[in-house]
Amino acid sequence: MSMTRSRLLLVIARYFEFGGLQRDFLRIAQRCAERGHDVHVLTGGWDGPRPDQITVHVVNTRAVSNHRSNDKLAAHLRRASAADRFDCVVGFNKTPGLDVYYAGDPCLAAKLAATRPVAVRLLPRYRAMLRQEAAVFGPDTDTQIFLIAHQEREKFIRHYGTPADRFSLLPPGIDRDRLVRCVPSDADRLKLRRELGIAADDVMILHIGSGFRTKGVDRAVTALGSLPEPLRSRSRLVVVGRGKP
């Protein structure tokens, strides 16, 4: 049976190899290309090898803040959609004009309501971010939403009145090749400790995640410094990921 070839545009703020959302994005783009679709990517930056079967368009979204950068990306999307015909536009960041949004972030409106004073919502940064969120989840848009964190659906519905039938709940999407095939042996553990300069009787604390501020590396360092002696002196924090040291 033949399949209709579609022209797809995938939109992501930046691509880098070590982000979970970015890996999901690339897997989806590659699967679509493998099925014969014409896949284009619109992004503000690409850090890593570019797949041969995908056309990557890097545009200038440089700005003094993330929300302004997102607005510039949205402007590029409007121009791209007006100049060229795409059968479907899929976004991985909260951007107006999407047919499908792959929701990798929680509901900002709910988070602010639960953790910040009401006045915080009046700051330019949060006003812009809430506007961008409403452009995807508002009741007057028809963006279809692919949701990873299922518990967030009720939050979006409560804060934006999003119709429930616009949500599709996705199963966990961990790459199987990233799963540990077997429990490391004692010899493997000692070899790794030697490579990292960690003694056999030291406490090794592992922190995994790219984007050090977002993933709380600062809090891990503070927690390490708060340990009582002599535990602190024989503890080592190992951070795996990419960020600003």
Protein backbone atom coordinates (compact mmCIF):
# COMPACT_ATOMS: atom_id res chain seq x y z
CA MET A 1 0.00 0.00 0.00
CA SER A 2 1.47 3.38 -0.98
CA MET A 3 1.67 6.23 1.51
CA THR A 4 0.97 9.87 0.74
CA ARG A 5 4.17 11.89 1.00
CA SER A 6 3.71 14.87 3.30
CA ARG A 7 5.77 18.03 3.64
CA LEU A 8 6.48 18.54 7.33
CA LEU A 9 7.99 21.42 9.28
CA LEU A 10 9.37 20.72 12.76
CA VAL A 11 10.12 23.75 14.93
CA ILE A 12 12.50 23.70 17.91
CA ALA A 13 14.25 26.59 19.66
CA ARG A 14 17.68 24.92 19.62
CA TYR A 15 18.99 21.44 18.94
CA PHE A 16 21.87 19.92 20.89
CA GLU A 17 22.77 16.28 21.30
CA PHE A 18 22.35 15.94 25.05
CA GLY A 19 18.80 17.16 25.66
CA GLY A 20 15.94 14.74 26.28
CA LEU A 21 13.44 16.85 24.33
CA GLN A 22 15.99 17.25 21.55
CA ARG A 23 16.50 13.49 21.31
CA ASP A 24 12.72 12.98 21.10
CA PHE A 25 12.56 15.63 18.37
CA LEU A 26 15.32 14.02 16.33
CA ARG A 27 13.81 10.55 16.63
CA ILE A 28 10.46 11.84 15.39
CA ALA A 29 12.09 13.72 12.51
CA GLN A 30 14.10 10.67 11.47
CA ARG A 31 11.10 8.32 11.67
CA CYS A 32 9.08 10.67 9.46
CA ALA A 33 11.92 10.89 6.94
CA GLU A 34 12.36 7.09 6.95
CA ARG A 35 8.69 6.77 6.01
CA GLY A 36 9.25 8.91 2.94
CA HIS A 37 8.07 12.32 4.13
CA ASP A 38 9.80 15.59 3.21
CA VAL A 39 11.02 16.80 6.61
CA HIS A 40 12.19 20.37 7.25
CA VAL A 41 13.42 21.81 10.55
CA LEU A 42 13.24 25.45 11.64
CA THR A 43 15.56 26.23 14.56
CA GLY A 44 17.58 28.98 16.17
CA GLY A 45 20.66 26.77 16.48
CA TRP A 46 21.94 23.30 15.66
CA ASP A 47 24.81 21.78 17.67
CA GLY A 48 25.71 18.35 16.31
CA PRO A 49 25.74 16.39 13.05
CA ARG A 50 22.88 17.01 10.66
CA PRO A 51 20.98 13.99 9.32
CA ASP A 52 21.24 13.66 5.54
CA GLN A 53 17.54 13.01 5.02
CA ILE A 54 16.36 16.14 6.90
CA THR A 55 16.57 19.75 5.69
CA VAL A 56 17.65 22.04 8.54
CA HIS A 57 16.95 25.80 8.38
CA VAL A 58 18.92 27.72 11.04
CA VAL A 59 17.52 31.22 11.60
CA ASN A 60 18.65 34.13 13.73
CA THR A 61 16.77 34.13 17.04
CA ARG A 62 19.45 35.81 19.13
CA ALA A 63 17.92 37.95 21.87
CA VAL A 64 18.66 39.09 25.41
CA SER A 65 16.14 36.61 26.87
CA ASN A 66 14.61 33.23 26.05
CA HIS A 67 11.08 34.57 25.66
CA ARG A 68 12.22 37.21 23.17
CA SER A 69 14.14 34.53 21.30
CA ASN A 70 10.95 32.45 21.16
CA ASP A 71 9.07 35.44 19.73
CA LYS A 72 11.70 35.78 17.01
CA LEU A 73 11.35 32.07 16.23
CA ALA A 74 7.57 32.53 15.96
CA ALA A 75 8.10 35.40 13.50
CA HIS A 76 10.34 33.19 11.35
CA LEU A 77 7.66 30.48 11.48
CA ARG A 78 4.99 32.92 10.24
CA ARG A 79 7.20 33.92 7.31
CA ALA A 80 8.08 30.31 6.48
CA SER A 81 4.42 29.26 6.57
CA ALA A 82 3.42 32.17 4.34
CA ALA A 83 6.20 31.53 1.82
CA ASP A 84 5.91 27.76 1.61
CA ARG A 85 3.21 25.14 2.00
CA PHE A 86 3.56 22.55 4.74
CA ASP A 87 1.04 19.81 5.39
CA CYS A 88 1.78 19.88 9.11
CA VAL A 89 3.76 22.11 11.48
CA VAL A 90 4.98 20.39 14.63
CA GLY A 91 6.48 22.42 17.48
CA PHE A 92 8.62 21.37 20.43
CA ASN A 93 8.44 24.76 22.12
CA LYS A 94 5.36 26.87 22.89
CA THR A 95 4.98 28.76 19.63
CA PRO A 96 1.89 30.24 17.89
CA GLY A 97 0.83 28.72 14.59
CA LEU A 98 1.41 25.03 15.35
CA ASP A 99 -0.73 22.16 14.12
CA VAL A 100 0.82 19.84 16.70
CA TYR A 101 2.69 20.62 19.92
CA TYR A 102 4.92 18.00 21.53
CA ALA A 103 4.63 19.00 25.20
CA GLY A 104 7.95 18.51 26.92
CA ASP A 105 7.39 21.26 29.53
CA PRO A 106 4.88 21.44 32.39
CA CYS A 107 2.07 23.99 32.66
CA LEU A 108 3.72 27.31 33.51
CA ALA A 109 0.46 28.93 34.64
CA ALA A 110 -0.08 26.16 37.19
CA LYS A 111 3.53 26.32 38.38
CA LEU A 112 3.38 30.10 38.92
CA ALA A 113 0.04 29.85 40.73
CA ALA A 114 1.46 27.25 43.10
CA THR A 115 4.92 28.70 43.77
CA ARG A 116 5.03 32.44 43.06
CA PRO A 117 3.19 35.58 44.21
CA VAL A 118 0.46 36.82 41.86
CA ALA A 119 2.51 39.94 41.05
CA VAL A 120 5.18 37.80 39.40
CA ARG A 121 2.80 37.16 36.51
CA LEU A 122 2.99 40.88 35.67
CA LEU A 123 6.74 40.79 34.97
CA PRO A 124 7.56 41.09 31.23
CA ARG A 125 9.29 37.69 31.19
CA TYR A 126 6.32 35.79 32.59
CA ARG A 127 3.73 37.80 30.68
CA ALA A 128 5.46 36.80 27.46
CA MET A 129 5.83 33.15 28.48
CA LEU A 130 2.18 32.91 29.51
CA ARG A 131 1.15 34.53 26.23
CA GLN A 132 3.17 31.94 24.33
CA GLU A 133 1.61 29.14 26.39
CA ALA A 134 -1.90 30.48 25.78
CA ALA A 135 -1.21 30.58 22.03
CA VAL A 136 -0.89 26.78 22.14
CA PHE A 137 -3.36 25.77 24.84
CA GLY A 138 -6.04 28.46 24.58
CA PRO A 139 -9.58 27.30 23.70
CA ASP A 140 -9.63 29.39 20.52
CA THR A 141 -6.72 27.52 18.91
CA ASP A 142 -6.90 24.08 17.33
CA THR A 143 -3.36 22.87 18.08
CA GLN A 144 -3.25 19.16 18.84
CA ILE A 145 -1.15 18.37 21.92
CA PHE A 146 1.04 15.30 22.43
CA LEU A 147 1.55 15.03 26.18
CA ILE A 148 4.33 13.12 27.94
CA ALA A 149 3.49 14.07 31.54
CA HIS A 150 -0.14 12.94 31.74
CA GLN A 151 -0.81 14.69 35.05
CA GLU A 152 -0.30 18.05 33.32
CA ARG A 153 -3.43 17.69 31.19
CA GLU A 154 -5.83 18.70 33.98
CA LYS A 155 -3.64 21.70 34.80
CA PHE A 156 -3.78 22.98 31.22
CA ILE A 157 -7.52 22.39 31.07
CA ARG A 158 -8.04 24.22 34.37
CA HIS A 159 -5.94 27.26 33.49
CA TYR A 160 -6.71 27.61 29.77
CA GLY A 161 -9.98 25.77 29.16
CA THR A 162 -8.27 23.52 26.61
CA PRO A 163 -10.76 20.96 25.21
CA ALA A 164 -9.85 17.49 26.47
CA ASP A 165 -10.08 15.97 22.99
CA ARG A 166 -7.08 18.01 21.85
CA PHE A 167 -4.75 15.97 24.06
CA SER A 168 -3.07 12.71 23.05
CA LEU A 169 -1.29 10.98 25.94
CA LEU A 170 2.01 9.42 24.91
CA PRO A 171 3.72 6.37 26.45
CA PRO A 172 7.27 6.66 27.88
CA GLY A 173 9.72 7.23 25.04
CA ILE A 174 13.12 6.21 26.41
CA ASP A 175 15.58 4.92 23.80
CA ARG A 176 16.08 1.21 24.39
CA ASP A 177 19.73 1.51 23.49
CA ARG A 178 20.17 3.75 26.54
CA LEU A 179 18.96 1.08 28.96
CA VAL A 180 21.57 -0.76 31.00
CA ARG A 181 21.87 -4.27 29.62
CA CYS A 182 23.40 -5.74 32.77
CA VAL A 183 24.39 -4.64 36.26
CA PRO A 184 28.05 -3.46 36.24
CA SER A 185 30.42 -5.84 37.98
CA ASP A 186 32.58 -4.83 40.94
CA ALA A 187 35.57 -4.81 38.59
CA ASP A 188 33.77 -2.40 36.23
CA ARG A 189 32.87 -0.12 39.14
CA LEU A 190 36.46 -0.04 40.43
CA LYS A 191 37.80 0.65 36.92
CA LEU A 192 35.48 3.63 36.54
CA ARG A 193 36.44 4.96 39.95
CA ARG A 194 40.13 4.77 39.04
CA GLU A 195 39.47 6.65 35.79
CA LEU A 196 37.67 9.40 37.71
CA GLY A 197 40.21 9.52 40.55
CA ILE A 198 37.72 8.34 43.16
CA ALA A 199 38.91 5.97 45.89
CA ALA A 200 37.18 2.65 46.40
CA ASP A 201 35.81 3.72 49.79
CA ASP A 202 34.75 7.23 48.71
CA VAL A 203 31.08 8.08 48.28
CA MET A 204 30.35 8.76 44.60
CA ILE A 205 27.30 10.96 43.96
CA LEU A 206 26.03 10.96 40.37
CA HIS A 207 24.08 13.89 38.87
CA ILE A 208 22.79 13.52 35.30
CA GLY A 209 21.28 16.30 33.21
CA SER A 210 22.12 18.98 30.65
CA GLY A 211 21.39 22.63 31.40
CA PHE A 212 23.04 22.89 34.80
CA ARG A 213 20.90 25.70 36.19
CA THR A 214 17.61 24.07 35.21
CA LYS A 215 18.70 20.64 36.45
CA GLY A 216 19.85 21.95 39.82
CA VAL A 217 23.59 21.33 39.78
CA ASP A 218 23.96 24.35 42.08
CA ARG A 219 21.68 22.71 44.64
CA ALA A 220 23.63 19.47 44.41
CA VAL A 221 26.87 21.35 45.10
CA THR A 222 25.27 23.15 48.06
CA ALA A 223 23.97 19.85 49.43
CA LEU A 224 27.43 18.31 49.10
CA GLY A 225 28.96 21.21 50.99
CA SER A 226 26.38 20.79 53.75
CA LEU A 227 27.34 17.18 54.53
CA PRO A 228 28.90 16.63 57.95
CA GLU A 229 32.55 15.76 58.29
CA PRO A 230 34.11 13.26 57.69
CA LEU A 231 31.44 12.27 55.14
CA ARG A 232 31.93 15.46 53.11
CA SER A 233 35.69 14.97 52.75
CA ARG A 234 35.29 11.54 51.20
CA SER A 235 32.33 12.38 48.94
CA ARG A 236 32.72 13.18 45.23
CA LEU A 237 30.07 14.69 42.96
CA VAL A 238 30.17 13.51 39.34
CA VAL A 239 28.09 15.56 36.89
CA VAL A 240 27.23 14.03 33.50
CA GLY A 241 25.76 16.47 30.99
CA ARG A 242 26.41 19.73 29.21
CA GLY A 243 26.05 23.22 30.67
CA LYS A 244 28.05 26.23 31.81
CA PRO A 245 30.55 25.03 34.46
